[in-house]
Amino acid sequence: MKALVLAGGTGSRLRPITHTAAKQLVPVANKPVLFYGIEALVAAGITEIGVVVGDTAQEIRAALGDGARFGAQVTYLRQERPLGLAHAVHVARNWLGDEDFVMYLGDNFVVGGITGVVRRFRATRSGTRLLVTKVPDPSAFGVAEVTSEGRVVRLEEKPARPRSDLAVVGVYLFTSAVHRAVDAIEPSARGELEITDAIQWLIDSGHDVSAETIGGYWKDTGDVADLLEVNQRVLADLEPAVLGSVDSASVLLGPVRIEPGAEVVRSRIVGPAVIGAHTTVRDSRIGPATSVAEGCAISGSDVEFSIVLRDARITGVGRIEGSLIGRAVQITGAAGTPQAHQLVLGDHSRIRLAS
């Protein structure tokens, strides 16, 4: 059995971060989201992994390499334009051959992995299996209408009036029958080959399509709020450790991980929180649900419920909360009470200022 991991796409909802970085490589708890998916596949016994890449192919390749570090063998499959999930299957057709496969969206996060569902799918080796979960607002997702026996009878993509509250999770298990479905469908109104259309074709053609409700946590990390929520969820299981330097004037409360080479001076770290390698925290407070990546410097500031990417500098800015700080960003406080704010912001930035 193979795996097809989708790591293309523009990540428009995460701009400006994704102007210069692949959305699948934005870290939660200081590890790229994509890595969690690769690890889940390997844990399920799937080591032949095809990664569909687009404009950020070079960055994805640099991060994953040949897959050996994960115990996998990675093959890269180029998708010239993001023309839909079913189009990604079409791009991978020759590599997949006639084997069963898992399609895993690289920006999805599933707590507990997929080992169980893969084992059950392998035992039957028939039909298509979807993972679904109950959500409060299904209109924002692909929605599955499922019988009491677990058979999927209808799929709708972001319906205005959902027929159920079951959202389709970004993990699909297919036999080679899906290739006939992909060849049979036409592009949607938005010009893409939709995987929901391909699966509906399978249903309408009499193929067995079943749904399995996941019991754990799932999140599509498509925007900043989702990333911060996942970061908080992962940090909740953090194994505390002090591998760097913490002086006697500093206090660590709760589960806190200080990575090698990090230095904490006259500061208070309230977990769950992780301080990355070779990062310096001085005269500051790092609050719960915060991950600070490697090579950062934070002084005279208070950062909580946030993700700070590598090489960022935060100096004398008071309190920062619920924020995603990009790589090599510099944030400094202004002396006195500012009469005006001085900003340099990238395209699609979002900023909230106190009046």
Protein backbone atom coordinates (compact mmCIF):
# COMPACT_ATOMS: atom_id res chain seq x y z
CA MET A 1 0.00 0.00 0.00
CA LYS A 2 1.27 3.46 -0.91
CA ALA A 3 0.53 6.95 0.34
CA LEU A 4 -0.07 10.12 -1.63
CA VAL A 5 0.63 13.27 0.39
CA LEU A 6 -0.54 16.58 -1.03
CA ALA A 7 1.93 19.37 -0.32
CA GLY A 8 1.17 21.86 -3.07
CA GLY A 9 -1.33 24.71 -2.92
CA THR A 10 -0.79 28.38 -2.30
CA GLY A 11 -1.81 28.69 1.35
CA SER A 12 -3.67 31.92 0.65
CA ARG A 13 -5.34 31.95 4.08
CA LEU A 14 -1.93 32.03 5.76
CA ARG A 15 -0.53 35.00 3.87
CA PRO A 16 1.85 36.76 4.29
CA ILE A 17 3.64 33.79 5.93
CA THR A 18 3.08 31.66 2.82
CA HIS A 19 4.48 34.27 0.46
CA THR A 20 7.88 32.94 1.49
CA ALA A 21 7.13 29.52 3.01
CA ALA A 22 5.11 26.40 2.20
CA LYS A 23 1.98 26.23 4.34
CA GLN A 24 2.66 22.57 5.15
CA LEU A 25 5.99 23.56 6.74
CA VAL A 26 4.62 26.12 9.18
CA PRO A 27 5.47 24.56 12.55
CA VAL A 28 3.27 23.64 15.47
CA ALA A 29 5.17 22.87 18.66
CA ASN A 30 8.30 23.62 16.61
CA LYS A 31 7.69 20.81 14.10
CA PRO A 32 6.22 21.33 10.61
CA VAL A 33 2.62 20.19 10.24
CA LEU A 34 3.65 18.04 7.26
CA PHE A 35 5.98 15.97 9.46
CA TYR A 36 3.11 14.84 11.68
CA GLY A 37 1.33 13.38 8.65
CA ILE A 38 4.44 11.60 7.35
CA GLU A 39 5.05 10.13 10.81
CA ALA A 40 1.43 8.94 11.03
CA LEU A 41 1.73 7.15 7.68
CA VAL A 42 4.98 5.43 8.66
CA ALA A 43 3.46 4.41 12.00
CA ALA A 44 0.62 2.80 10.01
CA GLY A 45 3.20 0.75 8.09
CA ILE A 46 3.15 2.78 4.87
CA THR A 47 6.66 3.72 3.78
CA GLU A 48 6.30 4.30 0.02
CA ILE A 49 5.16 7.91 -0.05
CA GLY A 50 4.54 10.09 -3.07
CA VAL A 51 4.52 13.82 -2.28
CA VAL A 52 2.65 16.06 -4.72
CA VAL A 53 4.42 19.43 -4.88
CA GLY A 54 3.86 22.74 -6.64
CA ASP A 55 5.61 26.09 -6.51
CA THR A 56 7.15 25.35 -3.11
CA ALA A 57 8.70 22.08 -4.32
CA GLN A 58 12.26 23.11 -3.50
CA GLU A 59 11.39 23.94 0.10
CA ILE A 60 9.40 20.71 0.58
CA ARG A 61 12.29 18.68 -0.86
CA ALA A 62 14.77 20.38 1.45
CA ALA A 63 12.62 19.55 4.48
CA LEU A 64 11.76 15.92 3.68
CA GLY A 65 14.78 14.83 1.66
CA ASP A 66 14.50 11.21 0.52
CA GLY A 67 12.37 10.35 3.54
CA ALA A 68 15.03 8.24 5.26
CA ARG A 69 14.86 10.27 8.45
CA PHE A 70 11.23 9.16 8.80
CA GLY A 71 11.87 5.56 7.81
CA ALA A 72 10.19 6.17 4.44
CA GLN A 73 11.02 6.40 0.76
CA VAL A 74 9.74 9.66 -0.71
CA THR A 75 9.05 10.27 -4.39
CA TYR A 76 8.21 13.80 -5.57
CA LEU A 77 5.40 14.30 -8.09
CA ARG A 78 5.08 17.70 -9.73
CA GLN A 79 1.67 19.33 -10.10
CA GLU A 80 2.20 22.39 -12.28
CA ARG A 81 -0.94 24.12 -11.05
CA PRO A 82 -3.29 23.40 -8.11
CA LEU A 83 -6.18 22.06 -10.18
CA GLY A 84 -7.91 20.04 -7.49
CA LEU A 85 -7.39 16.99 -5.29
CA ALA A 86 -8.57 14.61 -8.00
CA HIS A 87 -6.10 16.22 -10.36
CA ALA A 88 -3.34 15.37 -7.88
CA VAL A 89 -4.44 11.72 -8.13
CA HIS A 90 -4.27 12.04 -11.92
CA VAL A 91 -0.73 13.45 -11.69
CA ALA A 92 0.32 10.49 -9.54
CA ARG A 93 -1.40 7.84 -11.72
CA ASN A 94 1.74 6.18 -13.11
CA TRP A 95 3.51 6.17 -9.75
CA LEU A 96 0.50 4.71 -7.94
CA GLY A 97 -0.05 1.94 -10.47
CA ASP A 98 -2.84 -0.42 -9.43
CA GLU A 99 -2.03 -0.34 -5.72
CA ASP A 100 -4.34 0.70 -2.91
CA PHE A 101 -3.31 4.00 -1.37
CA VAL A 102 -3.99 6.57 1.32
CA MET A 103 -4.35 10.17 0.21
CA TYR A 104 -3.34 12.50 3.02
CA LEU A 105 -3.64 16.29 2.83
CA GLY A 106 -0.33 17.67 4.09
CA ASP A 107 -1.85 20.53 6.11
CA ASN A 108 -4.21 18.26 8.08
CA PHE A 109 -3.58 17.21 11.65
CA VAL A 110 -5.09 14.04 13.14
CA VAL A 111 -4.40 13.24 16.79
CA GLY A 112 -3.99 9.51 17.35
CA GLY A 113 -2.82 8.77 13.82
CA ILE A 114 -4.46 6.55 11.22
CA THR A 115 -3.03 3.13 12.09
CA GLY A 116 -6.40 1.63 13.01
CA VAL A 117 -8.27 2.73 9.91
CA VAL A 118 -5.42 1.60 7.63
CA ARG A 119 -5.38 -1.82 9.29
CA ARG A 120 -9.14 -2.22 8.83
CA PHE A 121 -8.96 -1.09 5.20
CA ARG A 122 -6.17 -3.54 4.45
CA ALA A 123 -8.21 -6.36 5.97
CA THR A 124 -11.07 -5.83 3.49
CA ARG A 125 -9.21 -4.35 0.47
CA SER A 126 -12.45 -3.26 -1.12
CA GLY A 127 -14.18 0.02 -1.85
CA THR A 128 -13.30 3.50 -0.71
CA ARG A 129 -13.12 4.63 2.90
CA LEU A 130 -13.45 8.20 4.13
CA LEU A 131 -12.68 9.61 7.53
CA VAL A 132 -15.35 11.96 8.83
CA THR A 133 -15.91 13.95 11.99
CA LYS A 134 -18.79 15.92 13.46
CA VAL A 135 -18.36 19.69 13.20
CA PRO A 136 -20.54 22.61 14.35
CA ASP A 137 -20.49 24.33 10.93
CA PRO A 138 -20.34 21.71 8.17
CA SER A 139 -20.99 24.29 5.43
CA ALA A 140 -17.26 25.13 5.49
CA PHE A 141 -16.25 21.55 4.52
CA GLY A 142 -16.97 18.66 2.25
CA VAL A 143 -19.99 17.00 3.86
CA ALA A 144 -20.87 13.29 3.82
CA GLU A 145 -24.40 11.91 4.06
CA VAL A 146 -24.00 8.50 5.71
CA THR A 147 -26.45 5.67 6.44
CA SER A 148 -26.71 3.99 9.84
CA GLU A 149 -24.58 1.15 8.41
CA GLY A 150 -21.77 3.58 7.55
CA ARG A 151 -22.32 3.70 3.77
CA VAL A 152 -21.81 7.06 2.10
CA VAL A 153 -24.72 7.94 -0.17
CA ARG A 154 -23.90 11.53 -1.04
CA LEU A 155 -21.05 14.04 -0.86
CA GLU A 156 -21.37 17.80 -1.15
CA GLU A 157 -18.60 20.37 -1.22
CA LYS A 158 -19.27 23.30 1.17
CA PRO A 159 -23.08 23.14 0.84
CA ALA A 160 -25.22 26.08 1.83
CA ARG A 161 -27.69 23.68 3.47
CA PRO A 162 -25.74 20.66 4.71
CA ARG A 163 -27.57 17.33 4.88
CA SER A 164 -25.45 16.19 7.82
CA ASP A 165 -22.91 17.45 10.33
CA LEU A 166 -20.19 15.06 9.16
CA ALA A 167 -17.20 16.83 7.60
CA VAL A 168 -14.83 14.85 5.42
CA VAL A 169 -11.38 14.74 7.02
CA GLY A 170 -8.40 15.15 4.68
CA VAL A 171 -7.52 11.44 4.76
CA TYR A 172 -8.93 9.10 2.08
CA LEU A 173 -8.33 5.39 1.43
CA PHE A 174 -8.71 4.26 -2.18
CA THR A 175 -8.41 1.22 -4.38
CA SER A 176 -7.34 1.63 -8.01
CA ALA A 177 -11.02 2.10 -8.94
CA VAL A 178 -10.64 5.79 -8.14
CA HIS A 179 -8.59 6.28 -11.32
CA ARG A 180 -11.62 5.43 -13.47
CA ALA A 181 -13.62 7.94 -11.47
CA VAL A 182 -11.02 10.68 -11.96
CA ASP A 183 -10.99 10.03 -15.72
CA ALA A 184 -14.80 10.23 -15.81
CA ILE A 185 -15.41 13.57 -14.09
CA GLU A 186 -15.25 17.09 -15.50
CA PRO A 187 -13.77 20.22 -13.89
CA SER A 188 -16.07 21.98 -11.45
CA ALA A 189 -17.29 25.55 -11.73
CA ARG A 190 -14.04 26.72 -10.15
CA GLY A 191 -12.02 24.86 -12.79
CA GLU A 192 -10.79 22.03 -10.58
CA LEU A 193 -11.15 18.26 -10.57
CA GLU A 194 -12.88 17.74 -7.24
CA ILE A 195 -12.23 14.58 -5.25
CA THR A 196 -15.80 14.80 -3.96
CA ASP A 197 -17.03 14.50 -7.57
CA ALA A 198 -14.81 11.46 -8.14
CA ILE A 199 -16.10 9.76 -4.99
CA GLN A 200 -19.70 10.60 -5.91
CA TRP A 201 -19.06 8.97 -9.31
CA LEU A 202 -17.94 5.83 -7.47
CA ILE A 203 -21.13 5.91 -5.35
CA ASP A 204 -23.37 6.44 -8.38
CA SER A 205 -21.58 3.62 -10.23
CA GLY A 206 -22.33 1.13 -7.49
CA HIS A 207 -18.95 1.05 -5.78
CA ASP A 208 -18.79 0.61 -2.01
CA VAL A 209 -17.91 3.86 -0.26
CA SER A 210 -17.92 3.83 3.54
CA ALA A 211 -17.21 6.36 6.26
CA GLU A 212 -15.43 5.96 9.55
CA THR A 213 -15.90 8.60 12.23
CA ILE A 214 -12.67 9.51 13.95
CA GLY A 215 -12.85 9.71 17.70
CA GLY A 216 -9.86 11.97 18.23
CA TYR A 217 -8.94 15.51 17.33
CA TRP A 218 -8.72 16.70 13.73
CA LYS A 219 -7.98 20.08 12.28
CA ASP A 220 -7.33 21.53 8.84
CA THR A 221 -4.54 23.99 9.64
CA GLY A 222 -5.53 26.35 6.86
CA ASP A 223 -5.55 29.61 8.80
CA VAL A 224 -3.85 31.24 11.77
CA ALA A 225 -6.61 30.46 14.28
CA ASP A 226 -6.45 26.77 13.38
CA LEU A 227 -2.67 26.71 13.66
CA LEU A 228 -2.76 28.29 17.10
CA GLU A 229 -5.40 25.78 18.23
CA VAL A 230 -3.35 22.83 16.99
CA ASN A 231 -0.23 24.26 18.59
CA GLN A 232 -2.09 24.44 21.90
CA ARG A 233 -3.36 20.87 21.48
CA VAL A 234 0.08 19.43 20.73
CA LEU A 235 1.76 21.34 23.54
CA ALA A 236 -0.78 19.88 25.97
CA ASP A 237 1.09 16.57 25.64
CA LEU A 238 4.55 18.14 25.90
CA GLU A 239 7.27 16.20 27.70
CA PRO A 240 9.07 18.79 29.84
CA ALA A 241 12.86 19.00 29.71
CA VAL A 242 15.58 21.54 30.37
CA LEU A 243 18.31 20.91 27.81
CA GLY A 244 19.52 24.49 27.68
CA SER A 245 20.42 27.09 30.31
CA VAL A 246 18.02 28.58 32.88
CA ASP A 247 19.46 31.01 35.42
CA SER A 248 18.52 31.11 39.12
CA ALA A 249 16.44 34.27 38.66
CA SER A 250 14.09 32.55 36.21
CA VAL A 251 10.98 30.47 36.93
CA LEU A 252 9.54 27.57 34.95
CA LEU A 253 5.93 26.63 35.71
CA GLY A 254 4.10 23.66 34.25
CA PRO A 255 5.35 21.59 31.30
CA VAL A 256 8.15 23.57 29.67
CA ARG A 257 10.75 22.34 27.21
CA ILE A 258 13.99 24.28 26.83
CA GLU A 259 15.89 22.99 23.79
CA PRO A 260 19.70 22.63 23.62
CA GLY A 261 21.60 25.91 23.40
CA ALA A 262 18.60 27.98 24.54
CA GLU A 263 19.12 30.49 27.33
CA VAL A 264 16.53 31.80 29.77
CA VAL A 265 17.59 34.81 31.86
CA ARG A 266 15.50 36.61 34.53
CA SER A 267 12.33 35.33 32.89
CA ARG A 268 9.15 33.43 33.64
CA ILE A 269 8.06 30.58 31.36
CA VAL A 270 4.54 29.25 31.98
CA GLY A 271 3.80 25.98 30.23
CA PRO A 272 2.88 24.29 28.18
CA ALA A 273 5.55 26.05 26.15
CA VAL A 274 8.64 25.20 24.15
CA ILE A 275 11.73 27.37 23.67
CA GLY A 276 13.72 26.39 20.59
CA ALA A 277 17.40 25.66 20.27
CA HIS A 278 19.77 28.62 20.58
CA THR A 279 16.94 31.01 21.43
CA THR A 280 17.43 33.63 24.15
CA VAL A 281 14.61 34.76 26.44
CA ARG A 282 15.65 37.65 28.66
CA ASP A 283 13.62 39.75 31.14
CA SER A 284 10.42 38.39 29.63
CA ARG A 285 7.39 36.21 30.21
CA ILE A 286 6.42 33.39 27.87
CA GLY A 287 2.87 32.31 28.58
CA PRO A 288 0.98 29.05 27.99
CA ALA A 289 0.38 27.54 24.53
CA THR A 290 3.42 29.25 23.04
CA SER A 291 6.12 27.76 20.85
CA VAL A 292 9.24 29.77 20.11
CA ALA A 293 11.41 28.34 17.34
CA GLU A 294 15.18 28.16 17.09
CA GLY A 295 17.48 31.17 16.90
CA CYS A 296 15.02 33.70 18.30
CA ALA A 297 15.67 36.51 20.78
CA ILE A 298 12.93 37.81 23.09
CA SER A 299 13.64 40.53 25.64
CA GLY A 300 11.48 42.82 27.75
CA SER A 301 8.28 41.31 26.33
CA ASP A 302 5.31 39.10 27.17
CA VAL A 303 4.27 36.47 24.60
CA GLU A 304 1.33 34.09 25.10
CA PHE A 305 -0.77 31.69 22.97
CA SER A 306 1.44 32.33 19.97
CA ILE A 307 3.79 30.73 17.46
CA VAL A 308 7.12 32.46 16.87
CA LEU A 309 9.09 31.22 13.88
CA ARG A 310 12.86 30.95 13.67
CA ASP A 311 15.23 33.91 13.95
CA ALA A 312 12.51 36.34 15.07
CA ARG A 313 13.48 39.27 17.32
CA ILE A 314 10.97 40.70 19.82
CA THR A 315 12.21 43.54 22.00
CA GLY A 316 10.38 45.73 24.51
CA VAL A 317 6.88 45.40 23.09
CA GLY A 318 4.81 44.57 26.16
CA ARG A 319 2.21 41.86 25.55
CA ILE A 320 1.71 39.79 22.38
CA GLU A 321 -1.13 37.26 22.31
CA GLY A 322 -2.78 35.00 19.74
CA SER A 323 -0.16 35.77 17.10
CA LEU A 324 1.84 34.04 14.39
CA ILE A 325 5.23 35.75 14.05
CA GLY A 326 7.10 34.92 10.85
CA ARG A 327 10.71 34.01 10.23
CA ALA A 328 13.33 36.68 10.93
CA VAL A 329 10.63 39.20 11.88
CA GLN A 330 11.79 42.12 14.03
CA ILE A 331 9.33 43.70 16.48
CA THR A 332 10.49 46.55 18.69
CA GLY A 333 8.73 48.87 21.11
CA ALA A 334 8.52 52.61 20.64
CA ALA A 335 9.73 55.01 23.31
CA GLY A 336 6.93 56.84 25.16
CA THR A 337 3.38 56.94 23.91
CA PRO A 338 3.40 56.83 20.11
CA GLN A 339 1.48 59.50 18.23
CA ALA A 340 1.61 57.26 15.16
CA HIS A 341 2.45 53.64 14.38
CA GLN A 342 5.28 52.89 11.97
CA LEU A 343 4.63 49.67 10.05
CA VAL A 344 6.20 47.61 7.28
CA LEU A 345 3.64 44.93 6.36
CA GLY A 346 3.57 42.35 3.59
CA ASP A 347 0.63 41.70 1.28
CA HIS A 348 -2.48 40.30 2.99
CA SER A 349 -1.13 41.09 6.46
CA ARG A 350 -3.56 41.41 9.35
CA ILE A 351 -2.68 43.57 12.36
CA ARG A 352 -4.67 44.80 15.35
CA LEU A 353 -3.49 47.97 17.11
CA ALA A 354 -4.54 49.46 20.42
CA SER A 355 -6.10 52.91 20.00
